Amino acid sequence: MLSIVKYPHPALRYTSRPVGQIDDELRAVVREMFDLMYEARGVGLAANQVGLPFRFFILNVTADPDEKDQELVFINPEIVKRHSSAEDEEGCLSIPGVYSKVRRARKIKVQAFDLAGEQVEYDADELFSKAIQHETDHLDGKLFIDYLGPLTRHSMKGKLREFELEFRKSQAGGEVPDDAEIVRRLDAMSAPSAGAIATLSGTSAGA
């Protein structure tokens, strides 16, 4: 069973491995991720946010579970063009309650594969563009707080410290493995010898 991992879980800093095949197991994981995303009232969720080291994320910019036609899956995404820039407020399901303005490209072109194995391409702007960039960053182990200046980071230092203390407490209590063990599990799941997506079965790394 998957769950959304919280900062500073090591999976959030793990560079994801490309997906090698699309099968029923991946589809089941994607469905579970959508359910988690809706429960958390989010518009996007990346695989490493549920402790899985693979390059895919999901989006529904309406955040409405009844709007199934707005559900999109991006497998092995690549942003191939960026145009101009804009600053807007962002948050993250892995750092709940923390928000700040982030400057990103205003318009982008992204290429990816969908669950049918077809290559898709989108010209995105506004929230759609911002969400794609945010989730793609996740797959590279980058968080929106990495874009913030020193003064803004300092202003949220106390809140981030609370997340750190809570996470270390859960590790000390044995609820979550230590960082080294989590990374070992992520490495094992993402090793070429482990197979493409078959390794998605079972418990995610420390989630």
Protein backbone atom coordinates (compact mmCIF):
# COMPACT_ATOMS: atom_id res chain seq x y z
CA MET A 1 0.00 0.00 0.00
CA LEU A 2 1.38 3.37 -1.02
CA SER A 3 1.47 6.58 0.98
CA ILE A 4 2.77 10.08 0.30
CA VAL A 5 6.20 10.53 1.84
CA LYS A 6 7.00 13.77 3.60
CA TYR A 7 10.07 15.99 3.66
CA PRO A 8 12.93 15.13 4.28
CA HIS A 9 12.36 11.54 3.09
CA PRO A 10 15.38 10.49 0.95
CA ALA A 11 13.13 9.39 -1.93
CA LEU A 12 12.39 13.07 -2.55
CA ARG A 13 16.06 13.64 -3.39
CA TYR A 14 16.48 10.48 -5.44
CA THR A 15 16.99 10.81 -9.21
CA SER A 16 14.37 8.59 -10.81
CA ARG A 17 15.07 5.78 -13.28
CA PRO A 18 13.26 5.73 -16.65
CA VAL A 19 10.31 3.37 -16.92
CA GLY A 20 11.15 0.43 -19.19
CA GLN A 21 7.71 -1.06 -19.77
CA ILE A 22 4.04 -0.32 -19.21
CA ASP A 23 1.94 -3.10 -17.74
CA ASP A 24 -1.07 -3.77 -15.53
CA GLU A 25 0.99 -3.36 -12.39
CA LEU A 26 2.02 0.14 -13.39
CA ARG A 27 -1.60 0.94 -14.20
CA ALA A 28 -2.65 -0.25 -10.73
CA VAL A 29 0.03 1.92 -9.11
CA VAL A 30 -1.13 4.93 -11.13
CA ARG A 31 -4.73 4.40 -10.01
CA GLU A 32 -3.64 4.21 -6.38
CA MET A 33 -1.61 7.39 -6.81
CA PHE A 34 -4.62 9.24 -8.20
CA ASP A 35 -6.64 8.15 -5.17
CA LEU A 36 -3.92 9.42 -2.83
CA MET A 37 -3.64 12.70 -4.73
CA TYR A 38 -7.37 13.37 -4.56
CA GLU A 39 -7.46 12.50 -0.86
CA ALA A 40 -4.71 15.09 -0.29
CA ARG A 41 -6.47 17.60 -2.57
CA GLY A 42 -3.53 17.91 -4.90
CA VAL A 43 -3.28 18.40 -8.66
CA GLY A 44 -0.15 16.29 -9.25
CA LEU A 45 1.93 13.52 -7.73
CA ALA A 46 5.30 12.09 -8.75
CA ALA A 47 6.36 8.48 -8.27
CA ASN A 48 9.14 9.31 -5.83
CA GLN A 49 6.57 11.07 -3.64
CA VAL A 50 5.23 7.60 -2.89
CA GLY A 51 8.72 6.15 -2.47
CA LEU A 52 9.14 4.72 -5.98
CA PRO A 53 12.29 5.58 -7.99
CA PHE A 54 10.71 5.67 -11.46
CA ARG A 55 10.22 8.51 -13.93
CA PHE A 56 6.50 9.09 -14.09
CA PHE A 57 3.95 11.40 -12.56
CA ILE A 58 0.23 12.03 -12.68
CA LEU A 59 -1.80 15.22 -13.08
CA ASN A 60 -5.37 16.42 -12.87
CA VAL A 61 -5.30 20.19 -12.67
CA THR A 62 -8.98 20.26 -11.63
CA ALA A 63 -8.15 18.19 -8.49
CA ASP A 64 -11.65 16.74 -8.95
CA PRO A 65 -11.96 12.92 -8.79
CA ASP A 66 -15.15 13.15 -10.85
CA GLU A 67 -13.22 14.73 -13.73
CA LYS A 68 -11.61 11.48 -14.89
CA ASP A 69 -11.23 12.83 -18.42
CA GLN A 70 -8.73 15.35 -17.03
CA GLU A 71 -6.43 12.67 -15.62
CA LEU A 72 -3.04 12.57 -17.34
CA VAL A 73 -0.07 10.28 -16.87
CA PHE A 74 3.43 11.37 -17.92
CA ILE A 75 5.90 8.50 -18.32
CA ASN A 76 9.57 9.39 -18.95
CA PRO A 77 8.68 13.08 -19.48
CA GLU A 78 11.02 15.56 -21.11
CA ILE A 79 10.51 19.31 -21.29
CA VAL A 80 11.84 20.24 -24.72
CA LYS A 81 10.97 23.96 -24.87
CA ARG A 82 10.52 26.77 -22.36
CA HIS A 83 9.22 30.27 -23.06
CA SER A 84 9.46 33.43 -20.93
CA SER A 85 8.84 33.23 -17.18
CA ALA A 86 6.28 33.94 -14.49
CA GLU A 87 6.17 33.85 -10.72
CA ASP A 88 3.33 32.16 -8.88
CA GLU A 89 2.63 30.50 -5.53
CA GLU A 90 3.39 26.81 -5.14
CA GLY A 91 2.98 24.15 -2.51
CA CYS A 92 3.77 20.45 -2.33
CA LEU A 93 1.94 17.40 -0.98
CA SER A 94 5.23 16.23 0.53
CA ILE A 95 5.64 19.53 2.41
CA PRO A 96 2.02 20.23 3.38
CA GLY A 97 1.14 23.70 4.61
CA VAL A 98 4.25 25.34 3.15
CA TYR A 99 3.76 27.75 0.23
CA SER A 100 5.87 30.31 -1.56
CA LYS A 101 6.18 32.06 -4.88
CA VAL A 102 8.39 30.32 -7.44
CA ARG A 103 9.56 31.61 -10.81
CA ARG A 104 9.21 29.12 -13.66
CA ALA A 105 8.82 29.14 -17.44
CA ARG A 106 5.45 30.58 -18.42
CA LYS A 107 4.97 28.21 -21.38
CA ILE A 108 6.55 24.85 -22.09
CA LYS A 109 6.43 21.98 -24.55
CA VAL A 110 6.64 18.54 -22.95
CA GLN A 111 6.94 15.08 -24.47
CA ALA A 112 6.15 11.85 -22.62
CA PHE A 113 4.44 8.48 -22.94
CA ASP A 114 0.94 7.73 -21.68
CA LEU A 115 -0.41 4.51 -20.16
CA ALA A 116 -1.21 3.18 -23.62
CA GLY A 117 2.47 3.43 -24.52
CA GLU A 118 1.79 6.23 -26.99
CA GLN A 119 4.05 9.26 -27.20
CA VAL A 120 2.20 12.43 -26.29
CA GLU A 121 3.15 16.09 -26.58
CA TYR A 122 1.60 19.11 -24.87
CA ASP A 123 2.04 22.84 -25.24
CA ALA A 124 1.29 23.94 -21.69
CA ASP A 125 0.79 27.26 -19.95
CA GLU A 126 -0.59 28.62 -16.66
CA LEU A 127 -1.29 25.97 -13.99
CA PHE A 128 -0.76 23.12 -16.43
CA SER A 129 2.75 24.35 -17.22
CA LYS A 130 3.62 25.01 -13.59
CA ALA A 131 2.40 21.59 -12.46
CA ILE A 132 4.38 19.75 -15.15
CA GLN A 133 7.56 21.61 -14.21
CA HIS A 134 6.97 21.00 -10.50
CA GLU A 135 6.44 17.25 -10.96
CA THR A 136 9.32 16.88 -13.42
CA ASP A 137 11.56 18.49 -10.82
CA HIS A 138 10.45 15.82 -8.34
CA LEU A 139 11.72 13.11 -10.69
CA ASP A 140 15.13 14.81 -10.65
CA GLY A 141 15.17 14.99 -6.85
CA LYS A 142 14.41 18.70 -6.75
CA LEU A 143 11.83 20.47 -4.56
CA PHE A 144 10.16 23.84 -5.03
CA ILE A 145 11.89 25.14 -1.89
CA ASP A 146 15.21 24.80 -3.73
CA TYR A 147 14.24 27.83 -5.82
CA LEU A 148 13.72 30.10 -2.85
CA GLY A 149 16.08 32.85 -1.83
CA PRO A 150 17.87 32.87 1.55
CA LEU A 151 15.38 35.22 3.24
CA THR A 152 12.36 33.16 2.20
CA ARG A 153 14.07 29.92 3.18
CA HIS A 154 14.92 31.43 6.55
CA SER A 155 11.29 32.44 7.11
CA MET A 156 10.15 28.84 6.71
CA LYS A 157 13.08 27.32 8.56
CA GLY A 158 10.99 26.56 11.64
CA LYS A 159 8.32 24.73 9.67
CA LEU A 160 10.86 22.65 7.75
CA ARG A 161 12.55 21.82 11.04
CA GLU A 162 9.23 20.47 12.34
CA PHE A 163 9.04 18.11 9.36
CA GLU A 164 12.62 16.99 9.98
CA LEU A 165 11.99 16.30 13.65
CA GLU A 166 8.81 14.37 12.91
CA PHE A 167 10.58 12.27 10.29
CA ARG A 168 13.55 11.48 12.55
CA LYS A 169 11.14 10.59 15.35
CA SER A 170 9.38 8.08 13.09
CA GLN A 171 12.77 6.59 12.21
CA ALA A 172 13.80 6.38 15.86
CA GLY A 173 10.52 4.60 16.62
CA GLY A 174 11.14 2.04 13.89
CA GLU A 175 8.21 3.15 11.76
CA VAL A 176 10.51 4.22 8.92
CA PRO A 177 13.95 2.76 8.02
CA ASP A 178 17.04 4.92 8.41
CA ASP A 179 18.20 6.99 5.44
CA ALA A 180 20.87 4.52 4.35
CA GLU A 181 18.39 1.64 4.26
CA ILE A 182 15.85 3.69 2.31
CA VAL A 183 18.49 4.57 -0.29
CA ARG A 184 19.57 0.92 -0.45
CA ARG A 185 15.98 -0.10 -1.19
CA LEU A 186 15.61 2.60 -3.82
CA ASP A 187 18.86 1.45 -5.45
CA ALA A 188 17.64 -2.16 -5.41
CA MET A 189 14.30 -1.23 -6.99
CA SER A 190 15.93 0.89 -9.67
CA ALA A 191 18.75 -1.54 -10.54
CA PRO A 192 18.57 -2.71 -14.18
CA SER A 193 18.62 -6.34 -13.01
CA ALA A 194 15.46 -5.74 -10.98
CA GLY A 195 13.30 -5.52 -14.10
CA ALA A 196 11.36 -2.64 -15.54
CA ILE A 197 8.20 -2.20 -13.50
CA ALA A 198 7.86 -5.53 -11.76
CA THR A 199 9.75 -4.01 -8.84
CA LEU A 200 6.82 -1.73 -8.14
CA SER A 201 5.16 -4.60 -6.27
CA GLY A 202 5.29 -4.75 -2.51
CA THR A 203 6.02 -2.04 0.01
CA SER A 204 7.59 1.16 -1.23
CA ALA A 205 10.85 2.41 0.24
CA GLY A 206 10.04 3.57 3.70
CA ALA A 207 6.55 4.74 2.80
